[in-house]
Amino acid sequence: MKLNGTLEEEGVYFVSQSDDPEAKAEQVRTNEPKTLTLRIPESLAAGPYRIEVRNTAYNSDTLRSGLFTTELTVE
C-alpha cells in the first residue's frame, strides 16, 4: 500500500494491543507500492503493537486501512 498523502489521516500507525494510545510514524524513508521503510517513534511506550497502514486509492478521497496480523513488541 503506497501512501499518497491525500488526507491528513494517511500514514502508518502503531496500534497498541494494550491500553496505550496509537502513534503515527512521522519518518517514512521508503514509500513504494510494495515497500514501506519507516522509523519507530521514540515516544512509543513498551508493549505489543500491530501496524496499520491508512491510505487513499489513486484518484480517491476515501480512506482505507490494512492491519497487519503480525504483532510487534516494543521493549
PDB file of N, CA and C in Angstrom:
ATOM      1  N   MET A   1       0.846  -1.172   0.000  1.00  0.00           N
ATOM      2  CA  MET A   1       0.000   0.000   0.000  1.00  0.00           C
ATOM      3  C   MET A   1       0.891   1.234   0.000  1.00  0.00           C
ATOM      4  N   LYS A   2       0.814   1.998  -1.017  1.00  0.00           N
ATOM      5  CA  LYS A   2       1.600   3.232  -1.094  1.00  0.00           C
ATOM      6  C   LYS A   2       0.825   4.373  -0.454  1.00  0.00           C
ATOM      7  N   LEU A   3       1.534   5.227   0.257  1.00  0.00           N
ATOM      8  CA  LEU A   3       0.916   6.398   0.863  1.00  0.00           C
ATOM      9  C   LEU A   3       0.913   7.523  -0.154  1.00  0.00           C
ATOM     10  N   ASN A   4      -0.264   8.049  -0.470  1.00  0.00           N
ATOM     11  CA  ASN A   4      -0.381   9.107  -1.466  1.00  0.00           C
ATOM     12  C   ASN A   4      -0.329  10.492  -0.853  1.00  0.00           C
ATOM     13  N   GLY A   5      -0.604  10.606   0.441  1.00  0.00           N
ATOM     14  CA  GLY A   5      -0.569  11.910   1.100  1.00  0.00           C
ATOM     15  C   GLY A   5      -1.773  12.775   0.808  1.00  0.00           C
ATOM     16  N   THR A   6      -2.868  12.165   0.376  1.00  0.00           N
ATOM     17  CA  THR A   6      -4.076  12.914   0.038  1.00  0.00           C
ATOM     18  C   THR A   6      -4.771  13.457   1.288  1.00  0.00           C
ATOM     19  N   LEU A   7      -4.824  12.670   2.348  1.00  0.00           N
ATOM     20  CA  LEU A   7      -5.510  13.059   3.580  1.00  0.00           C
ATOM     21  C   LEU A   7      -4.544  13.099   4.758  1.00  0.00           C
ATOM     22  N   GLU A   8      -4.837  13.955   5.730  1.00  0.00           N
ATOM     23  CA  GLU A   8      -4.020  14.071   6.945  1.00  0.00           C
ATOM     24  C   GLU A   8      -3.975  12.749   7.717  1.00  0.00           C
ATOM     25  N   GLU A   9      -5.051  11.967   7.648  1.00  0.00           N
ATOM     26  CA  GLU A   9      -5.147  10.712   8.400  1.00  0.00           C
ATOM     27  C   GLU A   9      -4.331   9.577   7.779  1.00  0.00           C
ATOM     28  N   GLU A  10      -3.812   9.806   6.570  1.00  0.00           N
ATOM     29  CA  GLU A  10      -2.996   8.777   5.927  1.00  0.00           C
ATOM     30  C   GLU A  10      -1.702   8.568   6.697  1.00  0.00           C
ATOM     31  N   GLY A  11      -1.194   7.345   6.645  1.00  0.00           N
ATOM     32  CA  GLY A  11       0.099   7.080   7.267  1.00  0.00           C
ATOM     33  C   GLY A  11       0.181   5.679   7.820  1.00  0.00           C
ATOM     34  N   VAL A  12       1.275   5.436   8.525  1.00  0.00           N
ATOM     35  CA  VAL A  12       1.498   4.164   9.187  1.00  0.00           C
ATOM     36  C   VAL A  12       1.334   4.413  10.682  1.00  0.00           C
ATOM     37  N   TYR A  13       0.488   3.605  11.314  1.00  0.00           N
ATOM     38  CA  TYR A  13       0.177   3.774  12.735  1.00  0.00           C
ATOM     39  C   TYR A  13       0.559   2.523  13.510  1.00  0.00           C
ATOM     40  N   PHE A  14       1.033   2.739  14.718  1.00  0.00           N
ATOM     41  CA  PHE A  14       1.311   1.651  15.647  1.00  0.00           C
ATOM     42  C   PHE A  14       0.123   1.587  16.591  1.00  0.00           C
ATOM     43  N   VAL A  15      -0.674   0.521  16.470  1.00  0.00           N
ATOM     44  CA  VAL A  15      -1.903   0.373  17.248  1.00  0.00           C
ATOM     45  C   VAL A  15      -1.605  -0.527  18.439  1.00  0.00           C
ATOM     46  N   SER A  16      -1.727   0.038  19.633  1.00  0.00           N
ATOM     47  CA  SER A  16      -1.415  -0.678  20.863  1.00  0.00           C
ATOM     48  C   SER A  16      -2.390  -1.828  21.081  1.00  0.00           C
ATOM     49  N   GLN A  17      -1.862  -2.943  21.549  1.00  0.00           N
ATOM     50  CA  GLN A  17      -2.699  -4.087  21.886  1.00  0.00           C
ATOM     51  C   GLN A  17      -3.014  -4.094  23.372  1.00  0.00           C
ATOM     52  N   SER A  18      -2.566  -3.059  24.081  1.00  0.00           N
ATOM     53  CA  SER A  18      -2.937  -2.834  25.476  1.00  0.00           C
ATOM     54  C   SER A  18      -3.712  -1.521  25.511  1.00  0.00           C
ATOM     55  N   ASP A  19      -3.581  -0.730  26.533  1.00  0.00           N
ATOM     56  CA  ASP A  19      -4.373   0.499  26.647  1.00  0.00           C
ATOM     57  C   ASP A  19      -3.654   1.759  26.200  1.00  0.00           C
ATOM     58  N   ASP A  20      -2.460   1.638  25.618  1.00  0.00           N
ATOM     59  CA  ASP A  20      -1.717   2.816  25.183  1.00  0.00           C
ATOM     60  C   ASP A  20      -2.350   3.410  23.927  1.00  0.00           C
ATOM     61  N   PRO A  21      -2.208   4.723  23.728  1.00  0.00           N
ATOM     62  CA  PRO A  21      -2.768   5.339  22.515  1.00  0.00           C
ATOM     63  C   PRO A  21      -1.967   4.936  21.277  1.00  0.00           C
ATOM     64  N   GLU A  22      -2.616   4.985  20.119  1.00  0.00           N
ATOM     65  CA  GLU A  22      -1.907   4.688  18.880  1.00  0.00           C
ATOM     66  C   GLU A  22      -0.944   5.824  18.555  1.00  0.00           C
ATOM     67  N   ALA A  23       0.075   5.508  17.762  1.00  0.00           N
ATOM     68  CA  ALA A  23       1.083   6.509  17.395  1.00  0.00           C
ATOM     69  C   ALA A  23       1.329   6.433  15.901  1.00  0.00           C
ATOM     70  N   LYS A  24       1.477   7.590  15.277  1.00  0.00           N
ATOM     71  CA  LYS A  24       1.744   7.656  13.844  1.00  0.00           C
ATOM     72  C   LYS A  24       3.250   7.715  13.607  1.00  0.00           C
ATOM     73  N   ALA A  25       3.726   6.962  12.622  1.00  0.00           N
ATOM     74  CA  ALA A  25       5.137   7.032  12.231  1.00  0.00           C
ATOM     75  C   ALA A  25       5.340   8.330  11.465  1.00  0.00           C
ATOM     76  N   GLU A  26       6.157   9.214  11.989  1.00  0.00           N
ATOM     77  CA  GLU A  26       6.372  10.515  11.363  1.00  0.00           C
ATOM     78  C   GLU A  26       7.485  10.479  10.328  1.00  0.00           C
ATOM     79  N   GLN A  27       8.374   9.487  10.414  1.00  0.00           N
ATOM     80  CA  GLN A  27       9.501   9.413   9.486  1.00  0.00           C
ATOM     81  C   GLN A  27       9.369   8.175   8.606  1.00  0.00           C
ATOM     82  N   VAL A  28       8.972   8.378   7.357  1.00  0.00           N
ATOM     83  CA  VAL A  28       8.858   7.291   6.386  1.00  0.00           C
ATOM     84  C   VAL A  28      10.000   7.476   5.387  1.00  0.00           C
ATOM     85  N   ARG A  29      10.872   6.484   5.300  1.00  0.00           N
ATOM     86  CA  ARG A  29      12.039   6.581   4.416  1.00  0.00           C
ATOM     87  C   ARG A  29      11.709   6.115   3.001  1.00  0.00           C
ATOM     88  N   THR A  30      11.142   4.916   2.864  1.00  0.00           N
ATOM     89  CA  THR A  30      10.786   4.368   1.557  1.00  0.00           C
ATOM     90  C   THR A  30       9.276   4.280   1.478  1.00  0.00           C
ATOM     91  N   ASN A  31       8.693   4.832   0.413  1.00  0.00           N
ATOM     92  CA  ASN A  31       7.247   4.836   0.221  1.00  0.00           C
ATOM     93  C   ASN A  31       6.964   4.373  -1.196  1.00  0.00           C
ATOM     94  N   GLU A  32       6.899   3.054  -1.379  1.00  0.00           N
ATOM     95  CA  GLU A  32       6.637   2.445  -2.676  1.00  0.00           C
ATOM     96  C   GLU A  32       5.487   1.461  -2.531  1.00  0.00           C
ATOM     97  N   PRO A  33       4.848   1.070  -3.630  1.00  0.00           N
ATOM     98  CA  PRO A  33       3.691   0.181  -3.531  1.00  0.00           C
ATOM     99  C   PRO A  33       3.944  -1.121  -2.758  1.00  0.00           C
ATOM    100  N   LYS A  34       5.136  -1.690  -2.857  1.00  0.00           N
ATOM    101  CA  LYS A  34       5.398  -2.954  -2.169  1.00  0.00           C
ATOM    102  C   LYS A  34       6.346  -2.820  -0.982  1.00  0.00           C
ATOM    103  N   THR A  35       6.861  -1.621  -0.741  1.00  0.00           N
ATOM    104  CA  THR A  35       7.843  -1.436   0.324  1.00  0.00           C
ATOM    105  C   THR A  35       7.594  -0.149   1.088  1.00  0.00           C
ATOM    106  N   LEU A  36       7.514  -0.271   2.408  1.00  0.00           N
ATOM    107  CA  LEU A  36       7.478   0.885   3.295  1.00  0.00           C
ATOM    108  C   LEU A  36       8.592   0.695   4.318  1.00  0.00           C
ATOM    109  N   THR A  37       9.482   1.657   4.411  1.00  0.00           N
ATOM    110  CA  THR A  37      10.525   1.633   5.421  1.00  0.00           C
ATOM    111  C   THR A  37      10.315   2.857   6.290  1.00  0.00           C
ATOM    112  N   LEU A  38      10.261   2.659   7.600  1.00  0.00           N
ATOM    113  CA  LEU A  38       9.963   3.764   8.492  1.00  0.00           C
ATOM    114  C   LEU A  38      10.708   3.627   9.803  1.00  0.00           C
ATOM    115  N   ARG A  39      10.650   4.684  10.586  1.00  0.00           N
ATOM    116  CA  ARG A  39      11.285   4.700  11.896  1.00  0.00           C
ATOM    117  C   ARG A  39      10.195   4.605  12.965  1.00  0.00           C
ATOM    118  N   ILE A  40      10.439   3.748  13.952  1.00  0.00           N
ATOM    119  CA  ILE A  40       9.503   3.623  15.069  1.00  0.00           C
ATOM    120  C   ILE A  40       9.644   4.874  15.939  1.00  0.00           C
ATOM    121  N   PRO A  41       8.533   5.518  16.295  1.00  0.00           N
ATOM    122  CA  PRO A  41       8.614   6.725  17.122  1.00  0.00           C
ATOM    123  C   PRO A  41       9.305   6.436  18.456  1.00  0.00           C
ATOM    124  N   GLU A  42      10.228   7.313  18.851  1.00  0.00           N
ATOM    125  CA  GLU A  42      10.951   7.127  20.107  1.00  0.00           C
ATOM    126  C   GLU A  42      10.032   7.217  21.312  1.00  0.00           C
ATOM    127  N   SER A  43       8.923   7.910  21.180  1.00  0.00           N
ATOM    128  CA  SER A  43       7.985   8.078  22.301  1.00  0.00           C
ATOM    129  C   SER A  43       7.053   6.883  22.481  1.00  0.00           C
ATOM    130  N   LEU A  44       7.197   5.864  21.650  1.00  0.00           N
ATOM    131  CA  LEU A  44       6.312   4.702  21.725  1.00  0.00           C
ATOM    132  C   LEU A  44       6.566   3.943  23.026  1.00  0.00           C
ATOM    133  N   ALA A  45       5.522   3.742  23.815  1.00  0.00           N
ATOM    134  CA  ALA A  45       5.647   3.024  25.089  1.00  0.00           C
ATOM    135  C   ALA A  45       5.922   1.539  24.840  1.00  0.00           C
ATOM    136  N   ALA A  46       6.603   0.914  25.775  1.00  0.00           N
ATOM    137  CA  ALA A  46       6.876  -0.518  25.665  1.00  0.00           C
ATOM    138  C   ALA A  46       5.564  -1.296  25.661  1.00  0.00           C
ATOM    139  N   GLY A  47       5.531  -2.371  24.882  1.00  0.00           N
ATOM    140  CA  GLY A  47       4.341  -3.201  24.822  1.00  0.00           C
ATOM    141  C   GLY A  47       4.096  -3.751  23.430  1.00  0.00           C
ATOM    142  N   PRO A  48       3.010  -4.501  23.278  1.00  0.00           N
ATOM    143  CA  PRO A  48       2.671  -5.101  21.981  1.00  0.00           C
ATOM    144  C   PRO A  48       1.874  -4.133  21.097  1.00  0.00           C
ATOM    145  N   TYR A  49       2.206  -4.135  19.802  1.00  0.00           N
ATOM    146  CA  TYR A  49       1.536  -3.280  18.813  1.00  0.00           C
ATOM    147  C   TYR A  49       1.271  -4.070  17.543  1.00  0.00           C
ATOM    148  N   ARG A  50       0.314  -3.593  16.778  1.00  0.00           N
ATOM    149  CA  ARG A  50       0.110  -4.057  15.412  1.00  0.00           C
ATOM    150  C   ARG A  50       0.234  -2.836  14.515  1.00  0.00           C
ATOM    151  N   ILE A  51       0.700  -3.043  13.309  1.00  0.00           N
ATOM    152  CA  ILE A  51       0.910  -1.944  12.379  1.00  0.00           C
ATOM    153  C   ILE A  51      -0.296  -1.822  11.458  1.00  0.00           C
ATOM    154  N   GLU A  52      -0.791  -0.596  11.330  1.00  0.00           N
ATOM    155  CA  GLU A  52      -1.926  -0.312  10.453  1.00  0.00           C
ATOM    156  C   GLU A  52      -1.505   0.744   9.436  1.00  0.00           C
ATOM    157  N   VAL A  53      -1.740   0.457   8.163  1.00  0.00           N
ATOM    158  CA  VAL A  53      -1.450   1.408   7.090  1.00  0.00           C
ATOM    159  C   VAL A  53      -2.775   1.986   6.624  1.00  0.00           C
ATOM    160  N   ARG A  54      -2.857   3.311   6.621  1.00  0.00           N
ATOM    161  CA  ARG A  54      -4.072   4.003   6.178  1.00  0.00           C
ATOM    162  C   ARG A  54      -3.700   4.850   4.963  1.00  0.00           C
ATOM    163  N   ASN A  55      -4.431   4.648   3.873  1.00  0.00           N
ATOM    164  CA  ASN A  55      -4.152   5.429   2.666  1.00  0.00           C
ATOM    165  C   ASN A  55      -5.417   5.603   1.838  1.00  0.00           C
ATOM    166  N   THR A  56      -5.289   6.391   0.801  1.00  0.00           N
ATOM    167  CA  THR A  56      -6.371   6.564  -0.154  1.00  0.00           C
ATOM    168  C   THR A  56      -5.933   5.948  -1.478  1.00  0.00           C
ATOM    169  N   ALA A  57      -6.872   5.376  -2.191  1.00  0.00           N
ATOM    170  CA  ALA A  57      -6.577   4.822  -3.505  1.00  0.00           C
ATOM    171  C   ALA A  57      -6.285   5.966  -4.463  1.00  0.00           C
ATOM    172  N   TYR A  58      -5.572   5.685  -5.517  1.00  0.00           N
ATOM    173  CA  TYR A  58      -5.244   6.690  -6.523  1.00  0.00           C
ATOM    174  C   TYR A  58      -6.522   7.335  -7.044  1.00  0.00           C
ATOM    175  N   ASN A  59      -6.563   8.649  -7.100  1.00  0.00           N
ATOM    176  CA  ASN A  59      -7.723   9.432  -7.560  1.00  0.00           C
ATOM    177  C   ASN A  59      -8.964   9.219  -6.699  1.00  0.00           C
ATOM    178  N   SER A  60      -8.775   9.075  -5.383  1.00  0.00           N
ATOM    179  CA  SER A  60      -9.900   8.879  -4.473  1.00  0.00           C
ATOM    180  C   SER A  60      -9.670   9.690  -3.205  1.00  0.00           C
ATOM    181  N   ASP A  61     -10.744  10.009  -2.514  1.00  0.00           N
ATOM    182  CA  ASP A  61     -10.652  10.682  -1.215  1.00  0.00           C
ATOM    183  C   ASP A  61     -11.139   9.777  -0.095  1.00  0.00           C
ATOM    184  N   THR A  62     -11.376   8.500  -0.392  1.00  0.00           N
ATOM    185  CA  THR A  62     -11.869   7.566   0.596  1.00  0.00           C
ATOM    186  C   THR A  62     -10.700   6.894   1.309  1.00  0.00           C
ATOM    187  N   LEU A  63     -10.646   7.038   2.622  1.00  0.00           N
ATOM    188  CA  LEU A  63      -9.575   6.440   3.418  1.00  0.00           C
ATOM    189  C   LEU A  63      -9.837   4.948   3.581  1.00  0.00           C
ATOM    190  N   ARG A  64      -8.800   4.162   3.359  1.00  0.00           N
ATOM    191  CA  ARG A  64      -8.895   2.720   3.579  1.00  0.00           C
ATOM    192  C   ARG A  64      -7.734   2.317   4.478  1.00  0.00           C
ATOM    193  N   SER A  65      -7.834   1.156   5.106  1.00  0.00           N
ATOM    194  CA  SER A  65      -6.772   0.746   6.023  1.00  0.00           C
ATOM    195  C   SER A  65      -6.529  -0.751   5.933  1.00  0.00           C
ATOM    196  N   GLY A  66      -5.306  -1.116   6.298  1.00  0.00           N
ATOM    197  CA  GLY A  66      -4.912  -2.522   6.357  1.00  0.00           C
ATOM    198  C   GLY A  66      -4.163  -2.738   7.653  1.00  0.00           C
ATOM    199  N   LEU A  67      -4.591  -3.719   8.444  1.00  0.00           N
ATOM    200  CA  LEU A  67      -3.993  -4.014   9.731  1.00  0.00           C
ATOM    201  C   LEU A  67      -3.216  -5.315   9.626  1.00  0.00           C
ATOM    202  N   PHE A  68      -1.918  -5.260   9.885  1.00  0.00           N
ATOM    203  CA  PHE A  68      -1.085  -6.445   9.818  1.00  0.00           C
ATOM    204  C   PHE A  68      -1.389  -7.366  10.984  1.00  0.00           C
ATOM    205  N   THR A  69      -1.411  -8.673  10.727  1.00  0.00           N
ATOM    206  CA  THR A  69      -1.729  -9.634  11.773  1.00  0.00           C
ATOM    207  C   THR A  69      -0.547  -9.916  12.689  1.00  0.00           C
ATOM    208  N   THR A  70       0.668  -9.686  12.191  1.00  0.00           N
ATOM    209  CA  THR A  70       1.858  -9.920  12.998  1.00  0.00           C
ATOM    210  C   THR A  70       1.975  -8.849  14.072  1.00  0.00           C
ATOM    211  N   GLU A  71       2.280  -9.287  15.290  1.00  0.00           N
ATOM    212  CA  GLU A  71       2.409  -8.364  16.408  1.00  0.00           C
ATOM    213  C   GLU A  71       3.859  -7.930  16.580  1.00  0.00           C
ATOM    214  N   LEU A  72       4.063  -6.655  16.848  1.00  0.00           N
ATOM    215  CA  LEU A  72       5.385  -6.068  17.075  1.00  0.00           C
ATOM    216  C   LEU A  72       5.502  -5.771  18.572  1.00  0.00           C
ATOM    217  N   THR A  73       6.611  -6.176  19.192  1.00  0.00           N
ATOM    218  CA  THR A  73       6.818  -5.900  20.602  1.00  0.00           C
ATOM    219  C   THR A  73       7.901  -4.846  20.761  1.00  0.00           C
ATOM    220  N   VAL A  74       7.546  -3.751  21.433  1.00  0.00           N
ATOM    221  CA  VAL A  74       8.499  -2.688  21.723  1.00  0.00           C
ATOM    222  C   VAL A  74       8.978  -2.897  23.147  1.00  0.00           C
ATOM    223  N   GLU A  75      10.291  -2.912  23.325  1.00  0.00           N
ATOM    224  CA  GLU A  75      10.844  -3.133  24.683  1.00  0.00           C
ATOM    225  C   GLU A  75      11.420  -1.869  25.245  1.00  0.00           C
TER     226      GLU A  75
END
